[in-house]
Every structure is written in C-alpha cells, then in structure tokens.
Amino acid sequence: MKQWWQRPHVRYWRTFIFRTLVYSAILLVLIYLYHYKNIQGGTFIYNEF
C-alpha cells in the first residue's frame, strides 16, 4: 500500500484533490464573510474612517 501511495500519478491526484479542497474551503469562507451582513444592514467599511 505504501508503494502504491508514493507512485507519481497517485501523488499528483492526491495533491490535486487536497489543493482543490483547501481552495474551495477558503473560497467558501470568503463568500460567507462577504455575505455575513445582508445588503440593507451592512455599512460600507470605509465610512468609519
């Protein structure tokens, strides 16, 4: 099993899937933070400065 896990094409797909999951999670967190407040309730971020 360990030899199979270290094959180049398996390593490629393992890395590809891992990066896809990480980037998808980051994207979902950013979308969540962007939509945390609704359009009417939110204030423009630079109005407080």
N, C-alpha and C. Protein backbone atom coordinates (compact mmCIF):
# COMPACT_ATOMS: atom_id res chain seq x y z
N MET A 1 0.83 -1.20 0.00
CA MET A 1 0.00 0.00 0.00
C MET A 1 0.87 1.26 0.00
N LYS A 2 1.97 1.23 0.77
CA LYS A 2 2.83 2.40 0.84
C LYS A 2 3.48 2.68 -0.52
N GLN A 3 3.85 1.64 -1.24
CA GLN A 3 4.45 1.84 -2.56
C GLN A 3 3.43 2.41 -3.53
N TRP A 4 2.21 1.96 -3.43
CA TRP A 4 1.15 2.47 -4.30
C TRP A 4 0.91 3.95 -4.02
N TRP A 5 0.94 4.33 -2.75
CA TRP A 5 0.67 5.71 -2.33
C TRP A 5 1.74 6.67 -2.84
N GLN A 6 2.98 6.18 -3.08
CA GLN A 6 4.08 7.03 -3.50
C GLN A 6 4.27 7.09 -5.01
N ARG A 7 3.42 6.42 -5.77
CA ARG A 7 3.55 6.48 -7.23
C ARG A 7 3.30 7.90 -7.71
N PRO A 8 3.99 8.31 -8.79
CA PRO A 8 3.87 9.70 -9.25
C PRO A 8 2.44 10.11 -9.62
N HIS A 9 1.71 9.26 -10.32
CA HIS A 9 0.36 9.67 -10.72
C HIS A 9 -0.59 9.70 -9.52
N VAL A 10 -0.37 8.85 -8.54
CA VAL A 10 -1.19 8.89 -7.32
C VAL A 10 -0.86 10.14 -6.52
N ARG A 11 0.40 10.50 -6.42
CA ARG A 11 0.81 11.71 -5.72
C ARG A 11 0.23 12.94 -6.40
N TYR A 12 0.21 12.94 -7.73
CA TYR A 12 -0.36 14.08 -8.46
C TYR A 12 -1.83 14.26 -8.12
N TRP A 13 -2.60 13.17 -8.19
CA TRP A 13 -4.04 13.28 -7.92
C TRP A 13 -4.32 13.57 -6.45
N ARG A 14 -3.49 13.03 -5.55
CA ARG A 14 -3.64 13.31 -4.13
C ARG A 14 -3.41 14.80 -3.86
N THR A 15 -2.38 15.36 -4.45
CA THR A 15 -2.09 16.78 -4.29
C THR A 15 -3.18 17.63 -4.92
N PHE A 16 -3.64 17.23 -6.10
CA PHE A 16 -4.69 17.98 -6.79
C PHE A 16 -5.97 18.01 -5.95
N ILE A 17 -6.39 16.89 -5.42
CA ILE A 17 -7.61 16.83 -4.62
C ILE A 17 -7.45 17.62 -3.33
N PHE A 18 -6.30 17.50 -2.68
CA PHE A 18 -6.06 18.25 -1.45
C PHE A 18 -6.11 19.75 -1.69
N ARG A 19 -5.42 20.21 -2.72
CA ARG A 19 -5.44 21.65 -3.02
C ARG A 19 -6.82 22.13 -3.40
N THR A 20 -7.56 21.33 -4.15
CA THR A 20 -8.92 21.70 -4.53
C THR A 20 -9.79 21.86 -3.29
N LEU A 21 -9.67 20.95 -2.34
CA LEU A 21 -10.46 21.05 -1.11
C LEU A 21 -10.06 22.27 -0.28
N VAL A 22 -8.76 22.53 -0.20
CA VAL A 22 -8.30 23.69 0.58
C VAL A 22 -8.77 24.99 -0.06
N TYR A 23 -8.59 25.13 -1.36
CA TYR A 23 -9.00 26.36 -2.03
C TYR A 23 -10.52 26.52 -2.01
N SER A 24 -11.26 25.44 -2.10
CA SER A 24 -12.73 25.52 -2.01
C SER A 24 -13.15 25.97 -0.63
N ALA A 25 -12.49 25.47 0.40
CA ALA A 25 -12.81 25.88 1.77
C ALA A 25 -12.52 27.37 1.96
N ILE A 26 -11.38 27.82 1.45
CA ILE A 26 -11.04 29.25 1.56
C ILE A 26 -12.07 30.09 0.83
N LEU A 27 -12.46 29.67 -0.35
CA LEU A 27 -13.45 30.42 -1.13
C LEU A 27 -14.79 30.47 -0.40
N LEU A 28 -15.21 29.35 0.18
CA LEU A 28 -16.47 29.34 0.92
C LEU A 28 -16.42 30.24 2.15
N VAL A 29 -15.29 30.26 2.84
CA VAL A 29 -15.14 31.15 4.00
C VAL A 29 -15.21 32.61 3.56
N LEU A 30 -14.56 32.94 2.46
CA LEU A 30 -14.60 34.32 1.97
C LEU A 30 -16.01 34.73 1.54
N ILE A 31 -16.72 33.83 0.88
CA ILE A 31 -18.11 34.12 0.49
C ILE A 31 -18.97 34.30 1.73
N TYR A 32 -18.77 33.44 2.74
CA TYR A 32 -19.52 33.57 3.98
C TYR A 32 -19.24 34.91 4.66
N LEU A 33 -17.99 35.30 4.73
CA LEU A 33 -17.65 36.57 5.37
C LEU A 33 -18.19 37.75 4.58
N TYR A 34 -18.21 37.65 3.26
CA TYR A 34 -18.71 38.74 2.43
C TYR A 34 -20.21 38.90 2.62
N HIS A 35 -20.93 37.79 2.77
CA HIS A 35 -22.39 37.83 2.91
C HIS A 35 -22.82 37.75 4.37
N TYR A 36 -21.92 38.05 5.29
CA TYR A 36 -22.26 37.94 6.70
C TYR A 36 -23.40 38.89 7.07
N LYS A 37 -23.36 40.08 6.53
CA LYS A 37 -24.45 41.04 6.73
C LYS A 37 -25.25 41.11 5.44
N ASN A 38 -26.54 41.31 5.58
CA ASN A 38 -27.34 41.45 4.37
C ASN A 38 -27.08 42.80 3.72
N ILE A 39 -27.59 42.99 2.55
CA ILE A 39 -27.29 44.19 1.77
C ILE A 39 -27.81 45.44 2.47
N GLN A 40 -29.00 45.38 3.06
CA GLN A 40 -29.57 46.56 3.70
C GLN A 40 -28.94 46.84 5.06
N GLY A 41 -28.49 45.83 5.77
CA GLY A 41 -28.00 46.00 7.12
C GLY A 41 -26.53 46.37 7.21
N GLY A 42 -25.78 46.11 6.18
CA GLY A 42 -24.36 46.36 6.25
C GLY A 42 -24.00 47.81 6.01
N THR A 43 -22.87 48.22 6.54
CA THR A 43 -22.37 49.57 6.28
C THR A 43 -21.12 49.46 5.44
N PHE A 44 -20.85 50.47 4.71
CA PHE A 44 -19.64 50.49 3.89
C PHE A 44 -18.44 50.56 4.81
N ILE A 45 -17.43 49.76 4.57
CA ILE A 45 -16.32 49.60 5.51
C ILE A 45 -15.53 50.89 5.71
N TYR A 46 -15.45 51.76 4.72
CA TYR A 46 -14.63 52.95 4.82
C TYR A 46 -15.39 54.14 5.39
N ASN A 47 -16.66 54.00 5.72
CA ASN A 47 -17.40 55.11 6.31
C ASN A 47 -16.95 55.41 7.72
N GLU A 48 -16.34 54.47 8.40
CA GLU A 48 -15.95 54.66 9.78
C GLU A 48 -14.61 55.40 9.94
N PHE A 49 -13.86 55.56 8.88
CA PHE A 49 -12.56 56.20 8.99
C PHE A 49 -12.66 57.70 8.92
